[in-house]
Protein backbone atom coordinates (compact mmCIF):
# COMPACT_ATOMS: atom_id res chain seq x y z
CA MET A 1 118.18 61.58 88.51
CA ALA A 2 115.72 64.27 89.71
CA THR A 3 115.30 68.04 89.96
CA PRO A 4 116.24 69.10 93.52
CA LEU A 5 113.23 69.97 96.02
CA THR A 6 112.25 73.52 96.40
CA ALA A 7 113.04 74.56 100.23
CA SER A 8 109.22 74.43 100.92
CA LYS A 9 109.03 70.92 99.65
CA LEU A 10 112.05 69.86 101.62
CA ILE A 11 111.04 71.29 104.90
CA ALA A 12 107.43 69.65 104.27
CA ALA A 13 108.91 66.19 103.52
CA LEU A 14 111.08 66.22 106.77
CA ARG A 15 108.13 67.28 108.95
CA ASP A 16 105.69 64.91 107.04
CA GLU A 17 108.30 62.22 108.25
CA GLY A 18 107.74 63.34 111.99
CA LEU A 19 110.86 65.43 112.29
CA VAL A 20 111.29 68.47 114.55
CA VAL A 21 112.93 70.90 111.98
CA HIS A 22 114.40 74.22 112.68
CA GLU A 23 114.97 76.81 109.92
CA VAL A 24 118.10 78.65 110.52
CA ARG A 25 118.76 82.29 109.25
CA ASP A 26 118.35 82.66 105.61
CA TRP A 27 118.83 78.90 104.74
CA ARG A 28 116.29 79.01 101.92
CA GLU A 29 118.58 81.38 99.88
CA HIS A 30 122.04 80.18 101.33
CA ASN A 31 123.92 78.03 98.75
CA ARG A 32 126.86 77.81 96.47
CA ASN A 33 124.89 77.69 93.31
CA ALA A 34 127.15 80.51 91.82
CA LYS A 35 130.19 78.39 92.03
CA GLY A 36 128.68 75.25 90.33
CA PRO A 37 125.48 73.38 89.43
CA TRP A 38 122.99 71.93 92.05
CA GLY A 39 121.43 69.02 90.43
CA PRO A 40 120.45 66.72 89.00
CA VAL A 41 120.31 65.01 92.46
CA ASN A 42 120.78 61.54 92.90
CA GLY A 43 121.07 60.56 96.48
CA VAL A 44 121.67 61.35 100.25
CA MET A 45 124.92 61.62 102.23
CA ILE A 46 125.57 61.11 105.67
CA HIS A 47 128.36 62.48 107.77
CA HIS A 48 129.39 63.22 111.28
CA THR A 49 130.86 66.78 112.16
CA ALA A 50 133.80 66.00 114.52
CA THR A 51 132.45 68.48 116.66
CA GLN A 52 130.36 69.03 119.91
CA GLY A 53 127.61 71.35 120.93
CA THR A 54 124.51 72.08 119.02
CA ASP A 55 124.67 75.97 118.64
CA SER A 56 128.27 76.00 117.50
CA THR A 57 128.00 73.29 115.07
CA VAL A 58 124.97 74.84 113.40
CA ASP A 59 126.89 78.06 113.14
CA LEU A 60 129.85 76.43 111.76
CA CYS A 61 127.85 74.44 109.23
CA TYR A 62 125.83 77.62 108.13
CA ASP A 63 128.84 79.73 108.09
CA GLY A 64 131.71 77.42 106.86
CA ARG A 65 135.20 77.85 107.52
CA ALA A 66 137.85 80.27 106.20
CA ASP A 67 139.20 77.56 103.71
CA LEU A 68 135.54 76.16 102.97
CA PRO A 69 132.47 78.66 102.77
CA GLY A 70 129.19 77.49 103.83
CA PRO A 71 126.80 75.96 103.83
CA LEU A 72 128.55 72.81 104.46
CA CYS A 73 125.47 70.68 104.16
CA HIS A 74 121.86 70.83 104.00
CA GLY A 75 120.82 69.98 107.42
CA VAL A 76 122.41 69.45 110.93
CA ILE A 77 121.07 66.42 113.07
CA ASP A 78 121.68 67.25 116.72
CA LYS A 79 121.79 64.79 119.65
CA GLN A 80 118.31 65.25 120.30
CA GLY A 81 117.21 64.24 116.79
CA GLU A 82 116.15 67.49 115.78
CA VAL A 83 116.97 68.90 112.12
CA HIS A 84 118.45 72.42 111.63
CA LEU A 85 118.21 73.38 107.91
CA VAL A 86 121.34 75.56 107.04
CA GLY A 87 121.28 75.43 103.18
CA ASN A 88 119.33 75.03 100.10
CA GLY A 89 121.06 74.27 96.98
CA ARG A 90 124.72 73.44 96.30
CA ALA A 91 126.72 72.63 99.46
CA ASN A 92 130.27 72.10 100.45
CA HIS A 93 130.03 68.77 101.85
CA ALA A 94 130.59 65.86 99.50
CA GLY A 95 133.64 66.87 97.56
CA LEU A 96 135.36 64.83 94.90
CA GLY A 97 134.45 61.12 95.11
CA ASP A 98 134.27 58.06 92.99
CA GLY A 99 132.35 58.24 89.85
CA ASP A 100 131.75 54.59 90.04
CA VAL A 101 130.01 54.89 93.42
CA LEU A 102 127.80 57.80 91.83
CA ARG A 103 126.65 55.42 88.86
CA ALA A 104 125.87 52.77 91.36
CA VAL A 105 123.74 55.13 93.45
CA ILE A 106 121.93 56.47 90.27
CA HIS A 107 121.05 52.52 89.25
CA GLU A 108 120.38 51.70 92.89
CA ASP A 109 122.66 48.77 92.78
CA ALA A 110 122.52 46.26 95.46
CA GLN A 111 125.97 46.68 96.31
CA LEU A 112 128.41 49.61 96.04
CA PRO A 113 131.90 49.50 94.36
CA PRO A 114 134.92 50.45 96.21
CA ASP A 115 135.47 54.20 96.52
CA ASP A 116 138.97 54.02 95.35
CA GLU A 117 139.01 57.19 93.22
CA ALA A 118 138.30 60.92 93.70
CA ASP A 119 137.25 61.78 90.12
CA THR A 120 133.83 63.04 90.46
CA ASP A 121 132.47 66.06 92.28
CA GLY A 122 129.41 65.20 94.48
CA ASN A 123 128.25 68.42 95.51
CA PRO A 124 125.73 68.81 92.71
CA HIS A 125 124.29 65.36 93.15
CA PHE A 126 123.89 64.64 96.95
CA TYR A 127 121.82 65.94 99.67
CA GLY A 128 124.08 66.31 102.84
CA PHE A 129 123.29 65.68 106.50
CA GLU A 130 125.70 66.53 109.41
CA CYS A 131 124.96 64.75 112.40
CA ILE A 132 126.65 66.01 115.53
CA ASN A 133 129.31 63.38 116.62
CA LEU A 134 133.27 63.83 117.31
CA GLY A 135 133.78 60.92 115.16
CA ASP A 136 136.36 59.54 117.71
CA GLY A 137 134.78 56.00 117.89
CA LYS A 138 133.70 56.74 121.49
CA ASP A 139 131.06 59.59 121.17
CA PRO A 140 127.91 58.04 121.47
CA TRP A 141 125.16 58.15 118.92
CA PRO A 142 121.71 58.48 121.04
CA GLU A 143 118.92 56.38 119.74
CA ALA A 144 116.91 59.79 119.20
CA GLN A 145 119.49 60.92 116.81
CA GLN A 146 119.70 57.53 114.73
CA ILE A 147 116.01 57.69 114.42
CA ALA A 148 116.16 61.35 112.99
CA MET A 149 119.00 60.22 110.64
CA GLU A 150 116.73 57.47 109.31
CA LYS A 151 113.75 59.85 108.81
CA ALA A 152 115.70 62.48 107.38
CA ALA A 153 117.17 60.33 104.69
CA ALA A 154 113.80 58.46 104.23
CA ALA A 155 111.85 61.92 103.94
CA VAL A 156 114.21 62.87 100.88
CA CYS A 157 113.89 59.28 99.22
CA ARG A 158 110.32 59.26 99.54
CA ALA A 159 109.90 62.62 98.12
CA HIS A 160 111.83 61.47 95.14
CA GLY A 161 110.59 57.97 94.81
CA TRP A 162 113.92 56.51 95.60
CA SER A 163 114.98 53.46 97.51
CA GLU A 164 117.40 53.29 100.58
CA ARG A 165 120.09 52.30 97.86
CA SER A 166 120.14 56.12 97.28
CA VAL A 167 121.58 56.57 100.77
CA ILE A 168 125.44 56.44 101.25
CA GLY A 169 127.92 57.46 103.75
CA HIS A 170 130.87 59.97 103.37
CA LEU A 171 133.15 56.99 103.88
CA GLU A 172 131.59 55.02 100.91
CA TRP A 173 132.05 58.08 98.46
CA GLN A 174 135.37 59.63 99.08
CA PRO A 175 138.73 57.68 99.77
CA GLY A 176 140.03 58.26 103.19
CA LYS A 177 136.81 59.23 104.90
CA VAL A 178 135.62 57.52 107.96
CA ASP A 179 132.30 59.47 108.43
CA PRO A 180 129.82 58.66 109.83
CA ARG A 181 132.12 56.68 112.19
CA GLY A 182 130.17 54.12 114.69
CA VAL A 183 126.97 54.02 112.08
CA ALA A 184 126.75 50.79 110.11
CA MET A 185 125.48 52.23 106.66
CA ASN A 186 123.98 48.74 105.79
CA ASP A 187 122.02 48.67 108.91
CA LEU A 188 120.69 52.23 108.54
CA ARG A 189 119.69 51.48 104.77
CA GLY A 190 117.98 48.45 106.25
CA ARG A 191 116.02 50.65 108.82
CA ILE A 192 115.42 53.19 105.83
CA LYS A 193 113.62 50.45 103.78
CA LYS A 194 111.65 49.50 106.68
CA ARG A 195 110.30 52.97 107.04
CA LEU A 196 109.82 53.53 103.43
CA ALA A 197 107.34 50.42 103.11
CA LYS A 198 105.21 52.34 105.50
CA PRO A 199 103.24 55.65 105.19
CA ALA A 200 104.90 58.76 106.42
CA GLU A 201 104.14 59.18 110.29
CA GLY A 202 102.93 62.68 109.82
CA ALA A 203 104.22 66.19 110.95
CA PRO A 204 104.39 66.83 114.81
CA GLU A 205 102.12 69.26 116.37
CA PRO A 206 102.70 72.84 115.70
CA GLN A 207 103.98 74.90 118.30
CA GLN A 208 101.24 77.28 120.13
CA PRO A 209 101.15 80.29 120.44
CA ALA A 210 103.75 82.14 118.20
CA TYR A 211 107.10 83.15 119.55
CA GLU A 212 109.62 85.70 118.38
CA PRO A 213 111.92 84.15 115.79
CA PHE A 214 115.61 84.01 116.55
CA PRO A 215 117.05 87.27 115.35
CA GLY A 216 120.48 86.00 114.95
CA ARG A 217 123.63 86.30 117.40
CA ASP A 218 124.55 89.62 116.06
CA PHE A 219 121.44 91.19 117.13
CA PHE A 220 122.80 90.50 120.76
CA ARG A 221 125.59 93.35 121.20
CA SER A 222 125.83 96.43 122.92
CA GLY A 223 123.75 99.28 121.65
CA THR A 224 120.91 96.77 120.52
CA HIS A 225 117.63 98.73 121.71
CA SER A 226 114.40 96.56 121.36
CA PRO A 227 111.29 95.30 123.03
CA VAL A 228 112.44 91.84 122.15
CA ILE A 229 115.45 92.30 124.72
CA THR A 230 112.84 93.12 127.49
CA ALA A 231 110.51 90.49 126.67
CA MET A 232 113.50 87.87 126.61
CA GLY A 233 114.59 89.26 130.05
CA LYS A 234 111.19 88.62 131.46
CA ARG A 235 111.29 85.08 130.24
CA LEU A 236 114.71 84.48 131.75
CA VAL A 237 113.28 85.96 135.30
CA ALA A 238 110.52 83.44 135.04
CA GLU A 239 112.88 80.61 134.44
CA GLY A 240 114.92 81.81 137.52
CA CYS A 241 117.86 82.79 135.52
CA SER A 242 118.26 86.38 136.36
CA HIS A 243 121.25 88.57 137.08
CA TYR A 244 119.40 91.75 137.23
CA ASP A 245 119.79 94.49 139.63
CA ILE A 246 117.30 96.71 137.73
CA GLY A 247 115.24 95.60 134.88
CA PRO A 248 115.00 93.77 132.63
CA GLY A 249 114.86 96.51 129.99
CA PRO A 250 115.02 97.01 126.06
CA GLU A 251 118.71 97.51 125.80
CA TRP A 252 121.25 94.71 125.68
CA THR A 253 123.29 94.63 128.67
CA GLU A 254 125.92 92.50 130.58
CA ALA A 255 123.13 91.60 133.07
CA ASP A 256 121.32 90.18 129.88
CA ARG A 257 124.30 88.36 129.09
CA GLN A 258 124.89 86.71 132.22
CA SER A 259 121.19 85.99 132.67
CA TYR A 260 121.25 84.13 129.33
CA ALA A 261 124.35 82.27 130.22
CA ALA A 262 122.47 80.87 133.07
CA TRP A 263 119.68 79.76 130.89
CA GLN A 264 122.34 77.89 128.42
CA ARG A 265 123.74 76.25 131.37
CA LYS A 266 120.38 75.18 132.63
CA LEU A 267 119.77 73.57 129.49
CA GLY A 268 122.94 71.51 129.79
CA PHE A 269 125.16 73.48 127.25
CA HIS A 270 128.77 74.26 128.52
CA GLY A 271 131.83 76.20 127.21
CA THR A 272 131.65 78.35 124.29
CA ASP A 273 127.82 77.09 123.97
CA ALA A 274 126.98 78.77 127.19
CA ASP A 275 128.60 82.29 126.43
CA GLY A 276 125.50 84.14 127.08
CA VAL A 277 124.84 85.16 123.44
CA PRO A 278 121.71 83.51 122.23
CA GLY A 279 121.78 80.69 119.63
CA GLN A 280 119.02 79.29 117.56
CA VAL A 281 118.31 76.29 120.09
CA SER A 282 118.27 77.92 123.21
CA TRP A 283 116.26 80.79 122.03
CA GLU A 284 113.59 78.39 120.57
CA ARG A 285 113.33 76.64 124.00
CA LEU A 286 113.12 80.13 125.85
CA ARG A 287 110.03 80.80 124.01
CA VAL A 288 109.89 84.53 124.00
CA PRO A 289 106.63 85.80 123.43
CA ARG A 290 106.15 88.09 120.35
CA THR A 291 106.27 91.77 121.08
């Protein structure tokens, strides 16, 4: 049992493990603590999202659904192996699971018992990482993503002094769950064990220079007037993604939306992930200079 990590300690632990970490909106204050306890914490739970697309998945895990408010985890791990922090505190990810499994995690038993009951609320006790994958048994797990899963779990375990036996999959907790489908949890725990036997890799090099932070999707709508829009447009022009007849200027227009959609497609996004409204990942990769 342990006291939950503060937001600053969690992000430091992840970056010290060598992960690229994105802070999503107000994640440091975003939680479900008003609905129940957060802690004592006992382990890390790994999920798959059953979705595709980074921006839309990160938004879903931050906001939640009509029937399940967000955050739906603490961090989202994308296909490129980057972590997007969406919550700090109690999150709606574990749900009811087997109390015998929780006791085995607390004692770090060598073997987990079958998860044949749903009698214990896991949300107070587990950090949750949602990994972007359709969960259909066909969607691949890129090596970068698998390494990030290993690093994220190891980072939390290292911070708390836990072993790899404090890491479980959702399928080992709640009857009927299959996630993370396609990931052998015993193999993952074995890799985490090897990682924990060595010092942490250290944080990646910080980005230089400073760029405009992502202002949120709602910022980009008719009527928004800001020098940030002008700076964004200039970067889009520089990237060869211009649909401007005149400009760019400080007011959000259809030309901005079309230009940004071209940038999203250039990054490999499709469908609703290339709708022309900036998302966290595409914005950070555009690197709009501070105004």
